[in-house]
Each structure stands twice: as C-alpha cells, then as structure tokens.
Protein backbone atom coordinates (compact mmCIF):
# COMPACT_ATOMS: atom_id res chain seq x y z
CA MET A 1 -93.37 -162.94 68.60
CA THR A 2 -94.47 -164.53 71.82
CA ASP A 3 -93.13 -168.04 71.16
CA ARG A 4 -89.60 -168.89 70.04
CA LEU A 5 -89.17 -170.56 66.69
CA HIS A 6 -88.42 -174.26 66.97
CA ARG A 7 -85.75 -174.87 64.33
CA LEU A 8 -84.50 -171.60 62.86
CA ARG A 9 -81.68 -169.76 64.60
CA LEU A 10 -80.21 -167.45 61.96
CA ALA A 11 -81.49 -165.47 58.98
CA ALA A 12 -78.88 -164.84 56.28
CA VAL A 13 -80.15 -162.09 53.99
CA ASN A 14 -78.56 -161.24 50.65
CA ILE A 15 -77.56 -157.63 50.14
CA ASP A 16 -78.05 -156.71 46.45
CA GLY A 17 -81.52 -157.48 45.17
CA VAL A 18 -82.97 -158.10 48.63
CA LEU A 19 -81.90 -155.46 51.16
CA LEU A 20 -80.71 -153.16 48.40
CA ASN A 21 -82.36 -152.60 45.04
CA ASP A 22 -81.41 -154.82 42.11
CA THR A 23 -78.80 -152.95 40.09
CA PHE A 24 -77.20 -156.07 38.62
CA SER A 25 -79.95 -157.49 36.38
CA PRO A 26 -80.50 -154.28 34.37
CA LEU A 27 -76.76 -153.75 33.97
CA ILE A 28 -75.97 -157.28 32.85
CA HIS A 29 -78.93 -157.18 30.44
CA ARG A 30 -77.59 -153.92 29.00
CA PHE A 31 -74.03 -155.26 28.84
CA VAL A 32 -75.11 -158.33 26.86
CA THR A 33 -77.72 -156.82 24.53
CA ARG A 34 -75.71 -153.70 23.63
CA ARG A 35 -72.95 -155.98 22.43
CA GLY A 36 -75.25 -158.09 20.28
CA GLY A 37 -75.74 -160.97 22.68
CA VAL A 38 -78.99 -162.66 23.68
CA TYR A 39 -80.05 -162.26 27.30
CA SER A 40 -81.43 -165.54 28.56
CA ALA A 41 -81.98 -167.69 31.63
CA ASP A 42 -78.71 -169.45 30.81
CA VAL A 43 -76.87 -166.12 30.84
CA GLU A 44 -78.33 -165.28 34.24
CA ARG A 45 -77.43 -168.71 35.59
CA SER A 46 -73.84 -168.39 34.38
CA VAL A 47 -73.34 -164.87 35.78
CA PHE A 48 -75.44 -164.41 38.93
CA SER A 49 -73.95 -165.35 42.32
CA GLN A 50 -70.69 -166.44 40.77
CA ARG A 51 -67.17 -165.42 41.69
CA GLN A 52 -66.37 -162.17 39.94
CA SER A 53 -63.71 -163.85 37.81
CA ASP A 54 -66.18 -166.53 36.69
CA ALA A 55 -68.90 -163.94 36.05
CA GLY A 56 -66.48 -162.02 33.83
CA LEU A 57 -65.79 -165.12 31.76
CA ALA A 58 -69.53 -165.80 31.46
CA MET A 59 -70.27 -162.25 30.33
CA ALA A 60 -67.51 -162.47 27.74
CA ALA A 61 -68.97 -165.75 26.46
CA ALA A 62 -72.45 -164.21 26.20
CA VAL A 63 -71.47 -161.62 23.59
CA PRO A 64 -70.18 -162.08 20.02
CA GLN A 65 -67.26 -159.68 20.29
CA GLU A 66 -64.00 -161.11 21.54
CA LEU A 67 -63.36 -160.24 25.17
CA THR A 68 -61.36 -161.84 27.92
CA GLY A 69 -63.04 -162.34 31.25
CA GLU A 70 -60.95 -159.58 32.75
CA GLU A 71 -61.88 -157.21 29.93
CA ALA A 72 -65.58 -158.01 30.31
CA LEU A 73 -65.42 -157.49 34.07
CA ALA A 74 -63.56 -154.19 33.71
CA ALA A 75 -66.10 -152.98 31.12
CA TYR A 76 -68.97 -154.04 33.36
CA PHE A 77 -67.70 -152.12 36.39
CA GLU A 78 -67.01 -149.06 34.24
CA GLU A 79 -70.59 -149.16 32.94
CA ARG A 80 -71.85 -149.82 36.45
CA ALA A 81 -70.28 -146.62 37.75
CA ALA A 82 -71.99 -144.60 35.01
CA TYR A 83 -75.31 -146.40 35.55
CA LEU A 84 -75.31 -145.79 39.30
CA ALA A 85 -74.86 -142.07 38.74
CA ASP A 86 -78.41 -142.00 37.35
CA HIS A 87 -79.81 -145.06 39.16
CA PRO A 88 -78.32 -144.96 42.67
CA VAL A 89 -78.27 -147.84 45.08
CA HIS A 90 -80.90 -147.52 47.79
CA VAL A 91 -82.25 -149.54 50.68
CA THR A 92 -85.22 -151.64 49.63
CA SER A 93 -88.65 -150.70 50.93
CA GLY A 94 -89.39 -152.68 54.07
CA ALA A 95 -85.76 -153.69 54.72
CA GLU A 96 -85.46 -152.16 58.18
CA ALA A 97 -88.85 -153.50 59.25
CA LEU A 98 -87.85 -156.98 58.05
CA LEU A 99 -84.64 -156.91 60.06
CA ARG A 100 -86.61 -155.93 63.16
CA ARG A 101 -89.13 -158.74 62.57
CA LEU A 102 -86.34 -161.28 62.22
CA ALA A 103 -84.80 -160.10 65.48
CA ALA A 104 -88.20 -160.15 67.19
CA ALA A 105 -88.52 -163.77 66.11
CA GLY A 106 -85.38 -164.53 68.12
CA LEU A 107 -83.13 -164.92 65.10
CA ASP A 108 -79.59 -163.73 64.65
CA VAL A 109 -79.30 -161.85 61.36
CA VAL A 110 -76.35 -161.58 58.99
CA CYS A 111 -76.04 -159.98 55.56
CA TYR A 112 -73.99 -161.53 52.75
CA GLY A 113 -73.03 -160.81 49.16
CA GLY A 114 -70.26 -160.83 46.59
CA LEU A 115 -68.92 -157.30 47.02
CA ALA A 116 -66.52 -156.10 49.71
CA LYS A 117 -67.76 -155.12 53.15
CA SER A 118 -67.30 -151.47 52.20
CA HIS A 119 -70.42 -151.89 50.03
CA PHE A 120 -72.39 -152.93 53.14
CA ASP A 121 -70.87 -150.13 55.22
CA GLU A 122 -71.78 -147.50 52.64
CA HIS A 123 -75.37 -148.51 52.05
CA LEU A 124 -76.44 -150.41 55.19
CA GLY A 125 -74.09 -149.02 57.79
CA ALA A 126 -76.91 -147.03 59.41
CA LEU A 127 -78.69 -150.35 60.06
CA ALA A 128 -75.60 -152.27 61.21
CA HIS A 129 -76.92 -152.45 64.77
CA LEU A 130 -79.75 -154.68 63.52
CA PHE A 131 -77.28 -157.36 62.39
CA THR A 132 -75.32 -159.90 64.39
CA PRO A 133 -71.53 -159.46 64.27
CA PRO A 134 -69.70 -159.59 61.93
CA HIS A 135 -72.80 -158.01 60.31
CA TYR A 136 -71.69 -158.85 56.75
CA LEU A 137 -69.91 -161.80 55.12
CA CYS A 138 -68.36 -161.46 51.67
CA THR A 139 -68.97 -164.69 49.74
CA ASN A 140 -67.17 -163.84 46.50
CA ASP A 141 -64.45 -166.47 47.06
CA VAL A 142 -66.86 -169.21 48.19
CA ARG A 143 -69.93 -168.67 46.02
CA PRO A 144 -72.70 -169.21 46.81
CA GLY A 145 -71.36 -169.47 50.37
CA LEU A 146 -74.21 -171.22 52.19
CA ARG A 147 -71.97 -173.85 53.77
CA GLU A 148 -69.51 -171.22 54.91
CA ILE A 149 -72.15 -168.93 56.41
CA THR A 150 -73.70 -171.83 58.30
CA ALA A 151 -70.32 -173.04 59.57
CA HIS A 152 -69.30 -169.52 60.62
CA PHE A 153 -72.12 -169.50 63.16
CA GLY A 154 -71.64 -173.14 64.19
CA LEU A 155 -75.13 -174.15 63.04
CA GLU A 156 -76.72 -176.94 61.04
CA HIS A 157 -78.04 -176.28 57.55
CA GLY A 158 -81.66 -176.61 58.63
CA GLN A 159 -81.19 -173.86 61.21
CA VAL A 160 -80.28 -171.07 58.77
CA LEU A 161 -82.92 -169.33 56.68
CA PHE A 162 -81.53 -167.84 53.46
CA VAL A 163 -83.33 -164.98 51.73
CA ASP A 164 -82.00 -164.38 48.22
CA ASP A 165 -82.94 -163.17 44.75
CA VAL A 166 -80.97 -165.77 42.76
CA ALA A 167 -82.14 -169.25 41.80
CA ARG A 168 -78.63 -170.68 41.91
CA VAL A 169 -78.59 -169.95 45.63
CA ALA A 170 -81.96 -171.65 45.97
CA GLU A 171 -80.58 -174.73 44.25
CA ALA A 172 -77.66 -174.80 46.68
CA ALA A 173 -80.04 -174.39 49.61
CA ARG A 174 -82.15 -177.29 48.39
CA ALA A 175 -79.08 -179.52 48.02
CA LEU A 176 -78.21 -178.76 51.66
CA GLY A 177 -81.77 -179.00 52.97
CA ALA A 178 -81.60 -175.37 54.05
CA PRO A 179 -84.67 -173.12 54.45
CA PHE A 180 -85.05 -170.57 51.68
CA ILE A 181 -87.31 -167.66 50.77
CA GLY A 182 -86.97 -166.25 47.26
CA ARG A 183 -87.32 -162.60 46.49
CA PRO A 184 -86.77 -162.60 42.70
CA SER A 185 -86.13 -159.36 40.85
CA ASP A 186 -89.04 -157.49 39.32
CA PHE A 187 -86.81 -156.51 36.40
CA GLU A 188 -88.89 -157.13 33.29
CA HIS A 189 -86.33 -159.41 31.64
CA SER A 190 -85.49 -161.42 34.76
CA HIS A 191 -85.75 -165.22 34.69
CA GLN A 192 -85.10 -165.76 38.37
CA GLY A 193 -88.70 -166.24 39.52
CA GLU A 194 -89.32 -169.03 37.02
CA LEU A 195 -85.95 -170.62 37.73
CA MET A 196 -86.78 -170.63 41.44
CA ARG A 197 -90.10 -172.31 40.82
CA ARG A 198 -88.37 -174.95 38.71
CA ALA A 199 -85.91 -175.46 41.56
CA GLY A 200 -88.80 -176.28 43.88
CA VAL A 201 -88.82 -173.10 45.94
CA ARG A 202 -91.94 -173.18 48.08
CA HIS A 203 -92.00 -169.54 49.16
CA LEU A 204 -91.44 -166.59 46.84
CA VAL A 205 -92.30 -163.01 47.77
CA ALA A 206 -92.62 -159.82 45.78
CA GLY A 207 -91.87 -157.55 48.75
CA LEU A 208 -90.08 -157.79 52.07
CA ASP A 209 -93.24 -157.00 54.01
CA GLU A 210 -94.49 -160.44 52.98
CA ILE A 211 -91.81 -162.09 55.11
CA ASP A 212 -93.96 -161.76 58.18
CA GLU A 213 -94.47 -163.74 61.39
CA ARG A 214 -96.84 -166.14 59.69
CA LEU A 215 -94.38 -166.98 56.92
CA LEU A 216 -91.49 -167.31 59.35
CA ARG A 217 -93.49 -169.75 61.46
CA THR A 218 -94.47 -171.69 58.34
CA VAL A 219 -90.85 -172.00 57.20
CA ASP A 220 -89.77 -172.91 60.73
CA ALA A 221 -92.37 -175.70 60.87
CA GLU A 222 -91.31 -176.96 57.44
CA ALA A 223 -87.67 -176.94 58.52
CA ALA A 224 -88.54 -178.99 61.58
CA ALA A 225 -90.65 -181.42 59.53
CA GLY A 226 -88.28 -181.67 56.57
CA THR A 227 -90.88 -180.43 54.06
CA LEU A 228 -89.11 -177.30 52.84
CA TRP A 229 -89.09 -178.08 49.14
CA THR A 230 -91.54 -179.20 46.48
CA THR A 231 -90.74 -182.55 44.92
CA GLY A 232 -90.63 -184.09 41.48
CA ALA A 233 -89.05 -183.12 38.19
CA ALA A 234 -91.76 -180.52 37.55
CA ALA A 235 -91.61 -179.05 41.04
CA GLY A 236 -92.06 -175.54 39.73
CA ALA A 237 -95.34 -176.44 38.08
CA ALA A 238 -96.81 -178.28 41.04
CA GLY A 239 -99.44 -176.90 43.35
CA GLU A 240 -100.61 -173.33 43.78
CA ARG A 241 -98.84 -170.60 41.83
CA VAL A 242 -99.41 -166.88 41.78
CA ALA A 243 -97.25 -164.77 39.47
CA VAL A 244 -94.75 -162.30 40.90
CA ALA A 245 -96.23 -159.11 39.53
CA ALA A 246 -97.82 -155.91 40.75
CA GLY A 247 -96.91 -156.63 44.35
CA GLU A 248 -98.50 -160.06 44.41
CA ARG A 249 -97.00 -162.93 46.33
CA VAL A 250 -95.96 -166.22 44.81
CA ALA A 251 -96.67 -169.38 46.73
CA VAL A 252 -95.66 -172.74 45.32
CA ALA A 253 -97.26 -175.42 47.45
CA ALA A 254 -96.48 -179.11 47.25
CA GLY A 255 -98.64 -181.06 44.90
C-alpha cells in the first residue's frame, strides 16, 4: 500500500477456522449427533469461542446421555485426536499472503485462539516472523478476549481489526465498536454465517484472498466514520447479501 491506513493499527486474526482449517465444527457436530443430540445454532453459540470448561458443560447439555462437563471435554479431545489422524490440521489457503498484505498495510499482526501457544508453534511457527511479538495470545481464560487483546497493545477498540469465524466474537466486536471481518466455516452444517449476518456483520468472506487492500481500506474508512455495523433488529436481512458458497463473497451493506 502506498498510503497508511487512517484508523486501523492492528489486525488480530483467529487461528482455528481462519489461519488454520476448521477442525472444530465437524468434530462438535459428530460429538453431538453420534450421541443422539440435535446440532443447532444454539449448540454452536453455547460451545464456540467459550472457555474450555464452559464448552464442556455445553456439549454435555447438548446430548441426552448423562455426562459431566469434564467427561464431555475429555471425550471430545479423545475423539479429536483420532479425527486429526485422518483429517490433519493445515494452514489455510491464502494465509501467508494475507499476513503479508496486513503487514504491507502498516498493521501489526497478532494471532489468537483458545488453545495453548504450542498449537500456534506447531502449525504456524514457520510463519511466526510475520506476526508482531508475542505472535500469539491464548484467550481461553478471557473468552472472547477482544478487550484483552486491545489492551495488550495499548490501543483503542476502533483501532483493532478482528478476523474470526465465530459469530459470538462478532457480537462482542459490535458491542465494543471494533472492526470485524467474518470468515465463517464452509462446513455444511455450520450456522455461523447466518448468525454473523443477524449480528450485523458488514463484511463476510469465503476466502482469505478476499481480505485485500480494497476491503482493508473500506473497513478502515468505516472505522474512522463509525459505520462499521449494519443497524436495526433485522440487520442480517438488510441490504445486499450474497451467500457464502462456492467461493463467493458475502457482503451485507447497510440498508
């Protein structure tokens, strides 16, 4: 970029589901349905981007068999290990290019997520030089962690762009007036795209290549003008909408 962005100073990019492939949605769907539960938007809302202890309780509540939260969490991680043997974690297409575009825009870049930093080191360690120290922030104890990430860098909420795949994070961003780009999962049973639209997310993408200079400048201008979010009770239905499917981009413009 030739001109510095006006408002944005930091991009905080979620690890699982954004920089790494989504391994959580398929696993939680399997966990719930194999035990006779119904996978729904409410289940996703109660599990995604929660503290692990809270997510365990929510998974236990989503199935008819009697489980404690600790038992549900232990069973989930056991099934996750088996699942990853056949469906390994990998860096998302376009991740490295996105990190370079964010840096070229003059932004500091940090990664965040609910697992320990060892998860980042294992899967994104080769790209660590593209992040600003400390490179990764674990938000498990402060979910969703937007306030804490912003405070860590001594910034205001409007100066930090969050890129995430979970609507609950979008809702927190909206409450803080923080810039947000949604990258909802393409998992066939996912509800996150629709939940983001209902939350008033203005910019949803189907691939990281869509977070380009033009979009960054648009979000920066909206952050400066205070027009980041759609308004009204039916925000998700307002304005232009293109479904997240087959690599298409979703844009929800103010009505």
